[in-house]
Amino acid sequence: MQIDSLIEIVLAALDEGKGRDIKIIDVRGKTAITDFFVIASGTSDRHVRSLAGTVEASAKAHEVQPFGLEGEDTGEWVVVDLGDVVVHVMKPPVREFYQLEKLWADSLPAAA
């Protein structure tokens, strides 16, 4: 599957689940882990788990098998590894603490 299509699937799933403050970070050439990070916030542990589950189910429905799903036990930060795209769903305090956007700031698209 094309990366653009995979990102569209992820964004649609996050939008469907009412994910907040969704960011796409292009990390191609900066890490061997993945090509893109998608970061979104959920309002509670339950919402974070639900968003990650929706992403996982949507990927599977499009015949993309996730490599892993981590963090469901606490629901504060759940990672869905889709290979070329790694999705981070976090509660706002956790997102603020780890500041992944700041870590990869040079990879964010320019503000319009």
N, C-alpha and C. Protein backbone atom coordinates (compact mmCIF):
# COMPACT_ATOMS: atom_id res chain seq x y z
N MET A 1 0.84 -1.18 0.00
CA MET A 1 0.00 0.00 0.00
C MET A 1 0.89 1.25 0.00
N GLN A 2 0.46 2.24 -0.75
CA GLN A 2 1.18 3.51 -0.82
C GLN A 2 1.10 4.22 0.54
N ILE A 3 2.17 4.91 0.89
CA ILE A 3 2.22 5.62 2.18
C ILE A 3 1.11 6.66 2.26
N ASP A 4 0.87 7.40 1.18
CA ASP A 4 -0.19 8.42 1.19
C ASP A 4 -1.54 7.82 1.52
N SER A 5 -1.82 6.65 0.96
CA SER A 5 -3.09 5.97 1.22
C SER A 5 -3.17 5.53 2.68
N LEU A 6 -2.07 5.02 3.20
CA LEU A 6 -2.03 4.58 4.60
C LEU A 6 -2.26 5.77 5.54
N ILE A 7 -1.63 6.90 5.24
CA ILE A 7 -1.83 8.09 6.07
C ILE A 7 -3.29 8.53 6.01
N GLU A 8 -3.90 8.49 4.83
CA GLU A 8 -5.32 8.85 4.70
C GLU A 8 -6.20 7.94 5.54
N ILE A 9 -5.90 6.65 5.57
CA ILE A 9 -6.65 5.69 6.38
C ILE A 9 -6.52 6.05 7.86
N VAL A 10 -5.29 6.35 8.29
CA VAL A 10 -5.04 6.70 9.69
C VAL A 10 -5.78 7.99 10.05
N LEU A 11 -5.67 9.01 9.20
CA LEU A 11 -6.32 10.29 9.49
C LEU A 11 -7.83 10.14 9.54
N ALA A 12 -8.40 9.35 8.64
CA ALA A 12 -9.85 9.12 8.65
C ALA A 12 -10.29 8.42 9.94
N ALA A 13 -9.50 7.45 10.38
CA ALA A 13 -9.83 6.73 11.62
C ALA A 13 -9.75 7.66 12.82
N LEU A 14 -8.72 8.49 12.87
CA LEU A 14 -8.58 9.43 13.99
C LEU A 14 -9.69 10.47 13.97
N ASP A 15 -10.06 10.92 12.77
CA ASP A 15 -11.14 11.89 12.64
C ASP A 15 -12.47 11.26 13.07
N GLU A 16 -12.70 10.03 12.64
CA GLU A 16 -13.93 9.31 13.00
C GLU A 16 -14.05 9.19 14.52
N GLY A 17 -12.92 8.94 15.18
CA GLY A 17 -12.92 8.78 16.63
C GLY A 17 -12.80 10.09 17.39
N LYS A 18 -12.82 11.19 16.68
CA LYS A 18 -12.73 12.53 17.28
C LYS A 18 -11.39 12.79 17.97
N GLY A 19 -10.31 12.32 17.31
CA GLY A 19 -8.97 12.62 17.80
C GLY A 19 -8.71 14.11 17.70
N ARG A 20 -7.87 14.61 18.57
CA ARG A 20 -7.60 16.05 18.63
C ARG A 20 -6.14 16.35 18.29
N ASP A 21 -5.93 17.55 17.78
CA ASP A 21 -4.59 18.09 17.51
C ASP A 21 -3.72 17.09 16.76
N ILE A 22 -4.20 16.65 15.61
CA ILE A 22 -3.51 15.62 14.83
C ILE A 22 -2.38 16.26 14.03
N LYS A 23 -1.20 15.67 14.14
CA LYS A 23 -0.02 16.15 13.42
C LYS A 23 0.61 14.99 12.67
N ILE A 24 1.12 15.29 11.48
CA ILE A 24 1.87 14.32 10.68
C ILE A 24 3.30 14.82 10.63
N ILE A 25 4.24 13.94 10.95
CA ILE A 25 5.65 14.32 10.95
C ILE A 25 6.40 13.40 10.00
N ASP A 26 7.02 13.99 9.00
CA ASP A 26 7.81 13.26 8.01
C ASP A 26 9.21 13.06 8.57
N VAL A 27 9.57 11.82 8.85
CA VAL A 27 10.89 11.53 9.42
C VAL A 27 11.75 10.70 8.47
N ARG A 28 11.37 10.68 7.19
CA ARG A 28 12.17 9.96 6.19
C ARG A 28 13.58 10.55 6.17
N GLY A 29 14.56 9.69 6.20
CA GLY A 29 15.95 10.12 6.18
C GLY A 29 16.47 10.57 7.53
N LYS A 30 15.62 10.60 8.54
CA LYS A 30 16.04 11.03 9.87
C LYS A 30 16.09 9.88 10.87
N THR A 31 15.35 8.81 10.55
CA THR A 31 15.34 7.62 11.40
C THR A 31 15.04 6.40 10.53
N ALA A 32 15.53 5.28 10.93
CA ALA A 32 15.27 4.04 10.20
C ALA A 32 14.01 3.35 10.72
N ILE A 33 13.42 3.89 11.76
CA ILE A 33 12.26 3.27 12.41
C ILE A 33 11.03 3.28 11.50
N THR A 34 10.77 4.41 10.87
CA THR A 34 9.56 4.60 10.08
C THR A 34 9.75 5.78 9.15
N ASP A 35 8.75 6.03 8.32
CA ASP A 35 8.79 7.20 7.43
C ASP A 35 7.97 8.37 7.98
N PHE A 36 6.88 8.06 8.68
CA PHE A 36 6.01 9.10 9.22
C PHE A 36 5.55 8.75 10.62
N PHE A 37 5.46 9.78 11.46
CA PHE A 37 4.77 9.68 12.74
C PHE A 37 3.46 10.44 12.57
N VAL A 38 2.39 9.88 13.09
CA VAL A 38 1.14 10.62 13.21
C VAL A 38 0.88 10.69 14.71
N ILE A 39 0.67 11.90 15.20
CA ILE A 39 0.46 12.11 16.63
C ILE A 39 -0.92 12.72 16.82
N ALA A 40 -1.67 12.19 17.78
CA ALA A 40 -3.00 12.70 18.08
C ALA A 40 -3.25 12.63 19.58
N SER A 41 -4.16 13.44 20.04
CA SER A 41 -4.53 13.43 21.45
C SER A 41 -5.93 12.88 21.63
N GLY A 42 -6.10 12.20 22.76
CA GLY A 42 -7.41 11.75 23.20
C GLY A 42 -7.71 12.40 24.54
N THR A 43 -8.97 12.47 24.91
CA THR A 43 -9.36 13.21 26.11
C THR A 43 -9.27 12.42 27.41
N SER A 44 -9.17 11.10 27.30
CA SER A 44 -9.12 10.25 28.49
C SER A 44 -8.42 8.94 28.12
N ASP A 45 -8.13 8.13 29.14
CA ASP A 45 -7.52 6.82 28.87
C ASP A 45 -8.38 6.01 27.90
N ARG A 46 -9.66 6.03 28.16
CA ARG A 46 -10.60 5.28 27.33
C ARG A 46 -10.62 5.80 25.90
N HIS A 47 -10.60 7.12 25.74
CA HIS A 47 -10.60 7.73 24.42
C HIS A 47 -9.32 7.40 23.67
N VAL A 48 -8.18 7.45 24.35
CA VAL A 48 -6.90 7.12 23.73
C VAL A 48 -6.92 5.67 23.23
N ARG A 49 -7.37 4.75 24.09
CA ARG A 49 -7.45 3.33 23.69
C ARG A 49 -8.42 3.15 22.51
N SER A 50 -9.53 3.86 22.55
CA SER A 50 -10.52 3.75 21.49
C SER A 50 -9.97 4.26 20.16
N LEU A 51 -9.27 5.39 20.18
CA LEU A 51 -8.67 5.93 18.96
C LEU A 51 -7.67 4.95 18.36
N ALA A 52 -6.81 4.41 19.21
CA ALA A 52 -5.81 3.44 18.73
C ALA A 52 -6.50 2.20 18.17
N GLY A 53 -7.55 1.74 18.83
CA GLY A 53 -8.29 0.59 18.35
C GLY A 53 -8.96 0.85 17.02
N THR A 54 -9.47 2.06 16.83
CA THR A 54 -10.09 2.44 15.56
C THR A 54 -9.06 2.47 14.45
N VAL A 55 -7.87 2.99 14.74
CA VAL A 55 -6.78 3.00 13.75
C VAL A 55 -6.41 1.56 13.39
N GLU A 56 -6.25 0.73 14.40
CA GLU A 56 -5.89 -0.67 14.16
C GLU A 56 -6.95 -1.38 13.31
N ALA A 57 -8.21 -1.22 13.66
CA ALA A 57 -9.30 -1.88 12.93
C ALA A 57 -9.40 -1.37 11.50
N SER A 58 -9.22 -0.08 11.32
CA SER A 58 -9.29 0.50 9.98
C SER A 58 -8.14 0.00 9.11
N ALA A 59 -6.95 -0.08 9.69
CA ALA A 59 -5.81 -0.62 8.95
C ALA A 59 -6.07 -2.06 8.52
N LYS A 60 -6.56 -2.87 9.44
CA LYS A 60 -6.85 -4.27 9.12
C LYS A 60 -7.93 -4.38 8.04
N ALA A 61 -8.93 -3.49 8.09
CA ALA A 61 -10.00 -3.50 7.09
C ALA A 61 -9.46 -3.19 5.70
N HIS A 62 -8.32 -2.50 5.66
CA HIS A 62 -7.67 -2.17 4.38
C HIS A 62 -6.49 -3.10 4.11
N GLU A 63 -6.51 -4.25 4.78
CA GLU A 63 -5.50 -5.30 4.60
C GLU A 63 -4.08 -4.88 4.97
N VAL A 64 -3.98 -4.01 5.97
CA VAL A 64 -2.68 -3.63 6.53
C VAL A 64 -2.64 -4.21 7.93
N GLN A 65 -1.74 -5.15 8.15
CA GLN A 65 -1.62 -5.79 9.46
C GLN A 65 -0.64 -5.00 10.32
N PRO A 66 -1.10 -4.43 11.44
CA PRO A 66 -0.18 -3.71 12.33
C PRO A 66 0.93 -4.63 12.84
N PHE A 67 2.13 -4.06 12.97
CA PHE A 67 3.26 -4.82 13.52
C PHE A 67 3.18 -4.90 15.03
N GLY A 68 2.50 -3.92 15.63
CA GLY A 68 2.39 -3.93 17.08
C GLY A 68 1.46 -2.85 17.57
N LEU A 69 0.98 -3.06 18.79
CA LEU A 69 0.13 -2.12 19.49
C LEU A 69 0.62 -2.11 20.93
N GLU A 70 1.10 -0.98 21.38
CA GLU A 70 1.68 -0.91 22.73
C GLU A 70 1.01 0.19 23.54
N GLY A 71 0.84 -0.05 24.83
CA GLY A 71 0.36 0.97 25.75
C GLY A 71 -1.12 0.89 26.08
N GLU A 72 -1.81 -0.11 25.54
CA GLU A 72 -3.24 -0.22 25.80
C GLU A 72 -3.56 -0.45 27.29
N ASP A 73 -2.63 -1.04 28.00
CA ASP A 73 -2.88 -1.35 29.41
C ASP A 73 -3.13 -0.09 30.24
N THR A 74 -2.39 1.00 29.96
CA THR A 74 -2.59 2.22 30.73
C THR A 74 -3.47 3.23 30.00
N GLY A 75 -3.38 3.26 28.69
CA GLY A 75 -4.20 4.17 27.91
C GLY A 75 -3.74 5.61 27.92
N GLU A 76 -2.57 5.88 28.47
CA GLU A 76 -2.07 7.25 28.46
C GLU A 76 -1.33 7.57 27.17
N TRP A 77 -0.68 6.56 26.59
CA TRP A 77 0.05 6.71 25.33
C TRP A 77 0.01 5.35 24.64
N VAL A 78 -0.71 5.28 23.54
CA VAL A 78 -0.80 4.03 22.79
C VAL A 78 -0.14 4.24 21.44
N VAL A 79 0.72 3.30 21.07
CA VAL A 79 1.44 3.35 19.80
C VAL A 79 0.92 2.23 18.90
N VAL A 80 0.56 2.59 17.67
CA VAL A 80 0.15 1.63 16.66
C VAL A 80 1.21 1.65 15.57
N ASP A 81 1.94 0.56 15.44
CA ASP A 81 3.03 0.46 14.45
C ASP A 81 2.49 -0.16 13.17
N LEU A 82 2.41 0.67 12.13
CA LEU A 82 1.93 0.22 10.83
C LEU A 82 3.08 0.14 9.83
N GLY A 83 4.30 0.08 10.34
CA GLY A 83 5.47 -0.02 9.46
C GLY A 83 5.91 1.35 8.99
N ASP A 84 5.45 1.77 7.81
CA ASP A 84 5.85 3.06 7.26
C ASP A 84 5.25 4.24 8.02
N VAL A 85 4.22 3.97 8.80
CA VAL A 85 3.55 4.99 9.60
C VAL A 85 3.40 4.47 11.02
N VAL A 86 3.88 5.24 11.99
CA VAL A 86 3.72 4.89 13.40
C VAL A 86 2.81 5.95 14.02
N VAL A 87 1.72 5.48 14.62
CA VAL A 87 0.72 6.37 15.19
C VAL A 87 0.88 6.42 16.70
N HIS A 88 0.97 7.64 17.24
CA HIS A 88 1.07 7.87 18.67
C HIS A 88 -0.22 8.57 19.11
N VAL A 89 -0.97 7.94 20.00
CA VAL A 89 -2.18 8.56 20.54
C VAL A 89 -1.93 8.76 22.02
N MET A 90 -2.04 10.02 22.47
CA MET A 90 -1.66 10.35 23.84
C MET A 90 -2.69 11.23 24.53
N LYS A 91 -2.70 11.15 25.85
CA LYS A 91 -3.44 12.14 26.63
C LYS A 91 -2.63 13.43 26.59
N PRO A 92 -3.29 14.59 26.63
CA PRO A 92 -2.56 15.86 26.52
C PRO A 92 -1.40 16.05 27.51
N PRO A 93 -1.54 15.69 28.79
CA PRO A 93 -0.38 15.88 29.69
C PRO A 93 0.84 15.05 29.29
N VAL A 94 0.59 13.84 28.80
CA VAL A 94 1.68 12.97 28.36
C VAL A 94 2.32 13.56 27.11
N ARG A 95 1.51 14.03 26.21
CA ARG A 95 2.01 14.64 24.98
C ARG A 95 2.84 15.87 25.29
N GLU A 96 2.38 16.68 26.21
CA GLU A 96 3.12 17.89 26.61
C GLU A 96 4.45 17.51 27.26
N PHE A 97 4.45 16.48 28.07
CA PHE A 97 5.68 16.07 28.76
C PHE A 97 6.74 15.57 27.79
N TYR A 98 6.36 14.71 26.84
CA TYR A 98 7.34 14.11 25.93
C TYR A 98 7.66 14.97 24.71
N GLN A 99 6.77 15.85 24.32
CA GLN A 99 7.00 16.82 23.26
C GLN A 99 7.64 16.23 22.00
N LEU A 100 7.01 15.19 21.46
CA LEU A 100 7.54 14.57 20.24
C LEU A 100 7.61 15.57 19.09
N GLU A 101 6.63 16.47 19.02
CA GLU A 101 6.66 17.48 17.95
C GLU A 101 7.92 18.35 18.05
N LYS A 102 8.29 18.71 19.25
CA LYS A 102 9.49 19.54 19.45
C LYS A 102 10.75 18.75 19.10
N LEU A 103 10.76 17.48 19.46
CA LEU A 103 11.90 16.62 19.16
C LEU A 103 12.15 16.53 17.66
N TRP A 104 11.05 16.46 16.89
CA TRP A 104 11.14 16.32 15.44
C TRP A 104 10.74 17.62 14.74
N ALA A 105 10.89 18.77 15.40
CA ALA A 105 10.40 20.06 14.89
C ALA A 105 10.85 20.37 13.47
N ASP A 106 12.07 20.02 13.12
CA ASP A 106 12.54 20.33 11.77
C ASP A 106 11.87 19.46 10.72
N SER A 107 11.10 18.46 11.15
CA SER A 107 10.40 17.57 10.22
C SER A 107 8.94 17.96 10.01
N LEU A 108 8.44 18.92 10.79
CA LEU A 108 7.05 19.34 10.64
C LEU A 108 6.89 20.21 9.41
N PRO A 109 5.72 20.14 8.77
CA PRO A 109 5.50 21.02 7.62
C PRO A 109 5.46 22.47 8.07
N ALA A 110 5.83 23.38 7.19
CA ALA A 110 5.82 24.81 7.52
C ALA A 110 4.39 25.26 7.78
N ALA A 111 4.23 26.16 8.74
CA ALA A 111 2.90 26.70 9.07
C ALA A 111 2.40 27.55 7.91
N ALA A 112 1.12 27.45 7.66
CA ALA A 112 0.53 28.22 6.54
C ALA A 112 0.17 29.61 6.98
